[in-house]
Amino acid sequence: MIISLDTGSSIPIYVQLRNQIVTGIGKGELKEGERLPTVRQLAEDAGVNTMTVNKTYQLLKMEGFITIDRRRGATVSPVRQWDEKYREKLEAELELLSAEARMKGMDRTEFLKLCERVFAGMHPAGPVSS
């Protein structure tokens, strides 16, 4: 997986790293149980401070996307069943994206087609109902 950061973006670097790792997991580029680079290695590869990568890894751990073990390092977590808290988070994010799309002139059909196309690009990681 190639990390590409935009230092001119208003999105913090640790969030950009988080988003790219989550996308890599979702697309199947990073598999369940796969080791992530060490904090030092990823910091060097991405050209960022180790504290930035550490913050990213802690966030991913808190969200349940990775596990961190002193001996094995950071690894991709197994797929978990979503819960009501996640559903509420997703709904809020989709509401904002829907509002932005509407304000830019996108109609419902276009928006839903785009959602379908993007979701279809994700790798099925396990038994997930449709």
N, C-alpha and C. Protein backbone atom coordinates (compact mmCIF):
# COMPACT_ATOMS: atom_id res chain seq x y z
N MET A 1 0.84 -1.18 0.00
CA MET A 1 0.00 0.00 0.00
C MET A 1 0.89 1.24 0.00
N ILE A 2 0.59 2.16 -0.87
CA ILE A 2 1.36 3.39 -0.98
C ILE A 2 0.62 4.50 -0.24
N ILE A 3 1.35 5.18 0.64
CA ILE A 3 0.79 6.29 1.40
C ILE A 3 1.12 7.58 0.65
N SER A 4 0.09 8.40 0.46
CA SER A 4 0.27 9.69 -0.21
C SER A 4 -0.36 10.77 0.66
N LEU A 5 0.46 11.68 1.17
CA LEU A 5 -0.02 12.72 2.07
C LEU A 5 -0.01 14.08 1.38
N ASP A 6 -0.99 14.88 1.72
CA ASP A 6 -1.09 16.24 1.19
C ASP A 6 -0.80 17.20 2.34
N THR A 7 0.42 17.70 2.39
CA THR A 7 0.82 18.58 3.49
C THR A 7 0.12 19.93 3.44
N GLY A 8 -0.47 20.28 2.31
CA GLY A 8 -1.20 21.54 2.18
C GLY A 8 -2.67 21.42 2.53
N SER A 9 -3.11 20.20 2.86
CA SER A 9 -4.51 19.96 3.17
C SER A 9 -4.86 20.47 4.56
N SER A 10 -6.13 20.79 4.73
CA SER A 10 -6.61 21.18 6.06
C SER A 10 -6.85 19.95 6.94
N ILE A 11 -6.82 18.77 6.34
CA ILE A 11 -6.99 17.51 7.08
C ILE A 11 -5.65 17.17 7.74
N PRO A 12 -5.63 16.99 9.06
CA PRO A 12 -4.37 16.67 9.74
C PRO A 12 -3.71 15.42 9.17
N ILE A 13 -2.39 15.39 9.20
CA ILE A 13 -1.63 14.27 8.64
C ILE A 13 -2.02 12.95 9.30
N TYR A 14 -2.20 12.94 10.62
CA TYR A 14 -2.55 11.68 11.28
C TYR A 14 -3.91 11.17 10.81
N VAL A 15 -4.84 12.07 10.47
CA VAL A 15 -6.15 11.66 9.95
C VAL A 15 -5.99 11.15 8.52
N GLN A 16 -5.15 11.81 7.71
CA GLN A 16 -4.90 11.32 6.36
C GLN A 16 -4.32 9.90 6.40
N LEU A 17 -3.36 9.68 7.30
CA LEU A 17 -2.79 8.34 7.45
C LEU A 17 -3.85 7.34 7.86
N ARG A 18 -4.66 7.70 8.85
CA ARG A 18 -5.75 6.84 9.32
C ARG A 18 -6.68 6.47 8.19
N ASN A 19 -7.09 7.48 7.42
CA ASN A 19 -8.04 7.25 6.34
C ASN A 19 -7.46 6.34 5.26
N GLN A 20 -6.19 6.51 4.95
CA GLN A 20 -5.57 5.66 3.92
C GLN A 20 -5.41 4.22 4.40
N ILE A 21 -5.11 4.04 5.67
CA ILE A 21 -5.00 2.68 6.21
C ILE A 21 -6.37 2.01 6.24
N VAL A 22 -7.39 2.73 6.68
CA VAL A 22 -8.75 2.17 6.71
C VAL A 22 -9.19 1.82 5.28
N THR A 23 -8.92 2.69 4.33
CA THR A 23 -9.27 2.42 2.93
C THR A 23 -8.51 1.19 2.42
N GLY A 24 -7.24 1.08 2.78
CA GLY A 24 -6.45 -0.09 2.38
C GLY A 24 -7.02 -1.38 2.94
N ILE A 25 -7.50 -1.33 4.17
CA ILE A 25 -8.13 -2.51 4.78
C ILE A 25 -9.44 -2.80 4.05
N GLY A 26 -10.24 -1.76 3.82
CA GLY A 26 -11.53 -1.94 3.16
C GLY A 26 -11.41 -2.51 1.75
N LYS A 27 -10.37 -2.10 1.04
CA LYS A 27 -10.17 -2.58 -0.34
C LYS A 27 -9.46 -3.92 -0.40
N GLY A 28 -9.04 -4.43 0.76
CA GLY A 28 -8.36 -5.72 0.78
C GLY A 28 -6.87 -5.62 0.52
N GLU A 29 -6.32 -4.41 0.45
CA GLU A 29 -4.88 -4.25 0.25
C GLU A 29 -4.13 -4.64 1.52
N LEU A 30 -4.79 -4.49 2.66
CA LEU A 30 -4.26 -4.94 3.94
C LEU A 30 -5.22 -5.99 4.47
N LYS A 31 -4.71 -7.16 4.77
CA LYS A 31 -5.55 -8.29 5.16
C LYS A 31 -5.58 -8.47 6.68
N GLU A 32 -6.63 -9.12 7.15
CA GLU A 32 -6.76 -9.46 8.57
C GLU A 32 -5.51 -10.18 9.04
N GLY A 33 -4.95 -9.72 10.16
CA GLY A 33 -3.75 -10.33 10.72
C GLY A 33 -2.45 -9.81 10.14
N GLU A 34 -2.52 -9.05 9.06
CA GLU A 34 -1.30 -8.53 8.43
C GLU A 34 -0.65 -7.48 9.32
N ARG A 35 0.66 -7.55 9.41
CA ARG A 35 1.41 -6.58 10.19
C ARG A 35 1.53 -5.27 9.43
N LEU A 36 1.36 -4.19 10.17
CA LEU A 36 1.61 -2.87 9.62
C LEU A 36 3.07 -2.51 9.89
N PRO A 37 3.61 -1.55 9.15
CA PRO A 37 4.99 -1.15 9.43
C PRO A 37 5.12 -0.65 10.87
N THR A 38 6.32 -0.73 11.40
CA THR A 38 6.55 -0.16 12.73
C THR A 38 6.31 1.34 12.66
N VAL A 39 6.13 1.94 13.82
CA VAL A 39 5.92 3.39 13.87
C VAL A 39 7.09 4.10 13.21
N ARG A 40 8.29 3.69 13.54
CA ARG A 40 9.49 4.32 12.96
C ARG A 40 9.54 4.15 11.44
N GLN A 41 9.24 2.93 10.99
CA GLN A 41 9.32 2.66 9.56
C GLN A 41 8.29 3.47 8.78
N LEU A 42 7.05 3.50 9.26
CA LEU A 42 6.02 4.26 8.56
C LEU A 42 6.33 5.76 8.59
N ALA A 43 6.84 6.25 9.73
CA ALA A 43 7.21 7.66 9.82
C ALA A 43 8.28 8.00 8.79
N GLU A 44 9.27 7.12 8.67
CA GLU A 44 10.35 7.34 7.70
C GLU A 44 9.80 7.28 6.27
N ASP A 45 9.01 6.25 5.98
CA ASP A 45 8.45 6.09 4.64
C ASP A 45 7.56 7.26 4.23
N ALA A 46 6.76 7.75 5.19
CA ALA A 46 5.81 8.83 4.89
C ALA A 46 6.43 10.22 5.06
N GLY A 47 7.62 10.28 5.66
CA GLY A 47 8.28 11.56 5.86
C GLY A 47 7.62 12.40 6.95
N VAL A 48 7.15 11.72 8.02
CA VAL A 48 6.49 12.43 9.11
C VAL A 48 7.14 12.05 10.43
N ASN A 49 6.76 12.75 11.47
CA ASN A 49 7.25 12.51 12.82
C ASN A 49 6.68 11.20 13.37
N THR A 50 7.46 10.51 14.18
CA THR A 50 6.98 9.26 14.78
C THR A 50 5.76 9.49 15.68
N MET A 51 5.67 10.65 16.29
CA MET A 51 4.52 10.96 17.14
C MET A 51 3.23 11.00 16.31
N THR A 52 3.33 11.45 15.07
CA THR A 52 2.17 11.49 14.17
C THR A 52 1.68 10.08 13.87
N VAL A 53 2.60 9.18 13.57
CA VAL A 53 2.24 7.79 13.28
C VAL A 53 1.70 7.13 14.55
N ASN A 54 2.32 7.40 15.68
CA ASN A 54 1.83 6.82 16.93
C ASN A 54 0.39 7.26 17.20
N LYS A 55 0.10 8.53 16.95
CA LYS A 55 -1.27 9.05 17.13
C LYS A 55 -2.24 8.34 16.19
N THR A 56 -1.80 8.11 14.96
CA THR A 56 -2.62 7.40 13.97
C THR A 56 -2.91 5.97 14.45
N TYR A 57 -1.88 5.27 14.88
CA TYR A 57 -2.04 3.89 15.32
C TYR A 57 -2.94 3.80 16.56
N GLN A 58 -2.80 4.74 17.48
CA GLN A 58 -3.65 4.74 18.67
C GLN A 58 -5.12 4.96 18.29
N LEU A 59 -5.36 5.85 17.33
CA LEU A 59 -6.72 6.10 16.85
C LEU A 59 -7.30 4.86 16.19
N LEU A 60 -6.52 4.22 15.33
CA LEU A 60 -6.96 2.99 14.65
C LEU A 60 -7.24 1.88 15.66
N LYS A 61 -6.42 1.80 16.70
CA LYS A 61 -6.65 0.80 17.76
C LYS A 61 -7.95 1.10 18.49
N MET A 62 -8.16 2.36 18.85
CA MET A 62 -9.37 2.76 19.58
C MET A 62 -10.62 2.46 18.75
N GLU A 63 -10.52 2.65 17.44
CA GLU A 63 -11.65 2.40 16.55
C GLU A 63 -11.83 0.91 16.22
N GLY A 64 -10.87 0.08 16.62
CA GLY A 64 -10.98 -1.36 16.40
C GLY A 64 -10.47 -1.85 15.06
N PHE A 65 -9.77 -1.01 14.30
CA PHE A 65 -9.26 -1.43 12.99
C PHE A 65 -7.95 -2.20 13.09
N ILE A 66 -7.19 -1.94 14.16
CA ILE A 66 -5.93 -2.65 14.37
C ILE A 66 -5.81 -3.07 15.83
N THR A 67 -4.93 -4.03 16.06
CA THR A 67 -4.55 -4.38 17.42
C THR A 67 -3.06 -4.09 17.55
N ILE A 68 -2.63 -3.78 18.74
CA ILE A 68 -1.23 -3.50 18.97
C ILE A 68 -0.74 -4.41 20.08
N ASP A 69 0.33 -5.13 19.77
CA ASP A 69 0.95 -6.05 20.71
C ASP A 69 2.43 -5.71 20.76
N ARG A 70 3.00 -5.70 21.94
CA ARG A 70 4.41 -5.32 22.09
C ARG A 70 5.35 -6.20 21.28
N ARG A 71 5.01 -7.46 21.15
CA ARG A 71 5.89 -8.39 20.43
C ARG A 71 5.62 -8.37 18.93
N ARG A 72 4.34 -8.38 18.54
CA ARG A 72 3.99 -8.48 17.12
C ARG A 72 3.83 -7.12 16.45
N GLY A 73 3.69 -6.06 17.21
CA GLY A 73 3.47 -4.74 16.64
C GLY A 73 2.00 -4.55 16.29
N ALA A 74 1.74 -3.70 15.32
CA ALA A 74 0.37 -3.38 14.90
C ALA A 74 -0.06 -4.34 13.80
N THR A 75 -1.24 -4.94 13.97
CA THR A 75 -1.78 -5.85 12.95
C THR A 75 -3.24 -5.49 12.68
N VAL A 76 -3.69 -5.82 11.48
CA VAL A 76 -5.07 -5.56 11.07
C VAL A 76 -6.00 -6.48 11.86
N SER A 77 -7.03 -5.88 12.45
CA SER A 77 -8.00 -6.62 13.26
C SER A 77 -8.97 -7.40 12.38
N PRO A 78 -9.57 -8.45 12.95
CA PRO A 78 -10.63 -9.16 12.24
C PRO A 78 -11.85 -8.25 12.07
N VAL A 79 -12.66 -8.56 11.08
CA VAL A 79 -13.89 -7.80 10.84
C VAL A 79 -14.82 -8.02 12.01
N ARG A 80 -15.41 -6.94 12.47
CA ARG A 80 -16.38 -7.02 13.58
C ARG A 80 -17.75 -6.60 13.08
N GLN A 81 -18.74 -7.09 13.75
CA GLN A 81 -20.11 -6.70 13.44
C GLN A 81 -20.30 -5.24 13.86
N TRP A 82 -20.94 -4.47 13.04
CA TRP A 82 -21.19 -3.07 13.39
C TRP A 82 -22.26 -2.99 14.46
N ASP A 83 -22.25 -1.88 15.19
CA ASP A 83 -23.21 -1.69 16.27
C ASP A 83 -23.96 -0.37 16.08
N GLU A 84 -24.86 -0.09 16.99
CA GLU A 84 -25.69 1.12 16.88
C GLU A 84 -24.86 2.39 16.94
N LYS A 85 -23.82 2.40 17.75
CA LYS A 85 -22.95 3.58 17.85
C LYS A 85 -22.30 3.88 16.50
N TYR A 86 -21.82 2.81 15.84
CA TYR A 86 -21.21 2.99 14.51
C TYR A 86 -22.25 3.45 13.50
N ARG A 87 -23.45 2.89 13.58
CA ARG A 87 -24.53 3.28 12.66
C ARG A 87 -24.83 4.78 12.78
N GLU A 88 -24.87 5.27 14.01
CA GLU A 88 -25.12 6.70 14.23
C GLU A 88 -24.00 7.56 13.66
N LYS A 89 -22.75 7.13 13.84
CA LYS A 89 -21.60 7.85 13.29
C LYS A 89 -21.68 7.89 11.77
N LEU A 90 -21.97 6.74 11.17
CA LEU A 90 -22.06 6.65 9.72
C LEU A 90 -23.20 7.51 9.18
N GLU A 91 -24.32 7.47 9.86
CA GLU A 91 -25.47 8.27 9.42
C GLU A 91 -25.15 9.76 9.44
N ALA A 92 -24.46 10.22 10.48
CA ALA A 92 -24.08 11.63 10.57
C ALA A 92 -23.12 12.02 9.44
N GLU A 93 -22.17 11.15 9.15
CA GLU A 93 -21.22 11.43 8.07
C GLU A 93 -21.91 11.43 6.71
N LEU A 94 -22.82 10.48 6.51
CA LEU A 94 -23.57 10.43 5.25
C LEU A 94 -24.50 11.64 5.10
N GLU A 95 -25.04 12.10 6.22
CA GLU A 95 -25.90 13.29 6.16
C GLU A 95 -25.10 14.50 5.66
N LEU A 96 -23.89 14.66 6.19
CA LEU A 96 -23.04 15.76 5.75
C LEU A 96 -22.66 15.61 4.28
N LEU A 97 -22.24 14.40 3.87
CA LEU A 97 -21.89 14.17 2.47
C LEU A 97 -23.09 14.40 1.55
N SER A 98 -24.26 13.98 1.97
CA SER A 98 -25.49 14.19 1.18
C SER A 98 -25.78 15.67 1.03
N ALA A 99 -25.63 16.41 2.12
CA ALA A 99 -25.87 17.85 2.06
C ALA A 99 -24.90 18.53 1.11
N GLU A 100 -23.62 18.15 1.20
CA GLU A 100 -22.61 18.73 0.30
C GLU A 100 -22.93 18.39 -1.16
N ALA A 101 -23.28 17.14 -1.41
CA ALA A 101 -23.61 16.71 -2.77
C ALA A 101 -24.80 17.49 -3.31
N ARG A 102 -25.82 17.64 -2.49
CA ARG A 102 -27.03 18.37 -2.89
C ARG A 102 -26.68 19.82 -3.21
N MET A 103 -25.84 20.43 -2.37
CA MET A 103 -25.47 21.83 -2.56
C MET A 103 -24.60 22.03 -3.79
N LYS A 104 -23.93 20.97 -4.24
CA LYS A 104 -23.11 21.04 -5.45
C LYS A 104 -23.91 20.65 -6.69
N GLY A 105 -25.20 20.35 -6.51
CA GLY A 105 -26.06 20.07 -7.65
C GLY A 105 -26.22 18.61 -8.01
N MET A 106 -25.73 17.71 -7.18
CA MET A 106 -25.87 16.29 -7.46
C MET A 106 -27.26 15.82 -7.06
N ASP A 107 -27.89 15.03 -7.94
CA ASP A 107 -29.22 14.52 -7.58
C ASP A 107 -29.09 13.18 -6.85
N ARG A 108 -30.21 12.73 -6.31
CA ARG A 108 -30.25 11.51 -5.50
C ARG A 108 -29.73 10.30 -6.26
N THR A 109 -30.16 10.13 -7.49
CA THR A 109 -29.76 8.98 -8.29
C THR A 109 -28.25 8.96 -8.49
N GLU A 110 -27.67 10.10 -8.83
CA GLU A 110 -26.22 10.19 -9.01
C GLU A 110 -25.49 9.84 -7.71
N PHE A 111 -25.99 10.39 -6.61
CA PHE A 111 -25.36 10.17 -5.32
C PHE A 111 -25.39 8.69 -4.96
N LEU A 112 -26.54 8.05 -5.13
CA LEU A 112 -26.66 6.63 -4.79
C LEU A 112 -25.82 5.75 -5.71
N LYS A 113 -25.73 6.11 -6.99
CA LYS A 113 -24.87 5.36 -7.92
C LYS A 113 -23.42 5.46 -7.49
N LEU A 114 -23.02 6.66 -7.09
CA LEU A 114 -21.64 6.86 -6.63
C LEU A 114 -21.38 6.04 -5.37
N CYS A 115 -22.32 6.05 -4.43
CA CYS A 115 -22.18 5.24 -3.21
C CYS A 115 -22.06 3.76 -3.55
N GLU A 116 -22.89 3.29 -4.46
CA GLU A 116 -22.85 1.88 -4.89
C GLU A 116 -21.50 1.53 -5.50
N ARG A 117 -20.99 2.40 -6.37
CA ARG A 117 -19.72 2.15 -7.06
C ARG A 117 -18.57 2.10 -6.06
N VAL A 118 -18.55 3.05 -5.15
CA VAL A 118 -17.48 3.09 -4.15
C VAL A 118 -17.56 1.87 -3.24
N PHE A 119 -18.75 1.55 -2.75
CA PHE A 119 -18.92 0.40 -1.85
C PHE A 119 -18.56 -0.90 -2.57
N ALA A 120 -18.89 -1.01 -3.84
CA ALA A 120 -18.56 -2.21 -4.61
C ALA A 120 -17.05 -2.39 -4.76
N GLY A 121 -16.30 -1.30 -4.64
CA GLY A 121 -14.84 -1.38 -4.74
C GLY A 121 -14.17 -1.90 -3.49
N MET A 122 -14.93 -2.10 -2.44
CA MET A 122 -14.38 -2.61 -1.19
C MET A 122 -14.34 -4.13 -1.25
N HIS A 123 -13.29 -4.67 -0.69
CA HIS A 123 -13.08 -6.13 -0.68
C HIS A 123 -13.92 -6.75 0.43
N PRO A 124 -14.69 -7.79 0.12
CA PRO A 124 -15.45 -8.45 1.19
C PRO A 124 -14.49 -9.10 2.17
N ALA A 125 -14.50 -8.62 3.40
CA ALA A 125 -13.55 -9.09 4.40
C ALA A 125 -14.07 -10.25 5.22
N GLY A 126 -15.31 -10.58 5.11
CA GLY A 126 -15.86 -11.66 5.92
C GLY A 126 -17.36 -11.71 5.76
N PRO A 127 -18.02 -12.44 6.61
CA PRO A 127 -19.47 -12.60 6.50
C PRO A 127 -20.18 -11.32 6.89
N VAL A 128 -20.52 -10.52 5.89
CA VAL A 128 -21.23 -9.27 6.12
C VAL A 128 -22.54 -9.34 5.36
N SER A 129 -23.64 -9.06 6.03
CA SER A 129 -24.94 -9.13 5.36
C SER A 129 -25.17 -7.88 4.54
N SER A 130 -25.98 -8.00 3.47
CA SER A 130 -26.22 -6.86 2.60
C SER A 130 -27.48 -6.13 2.91
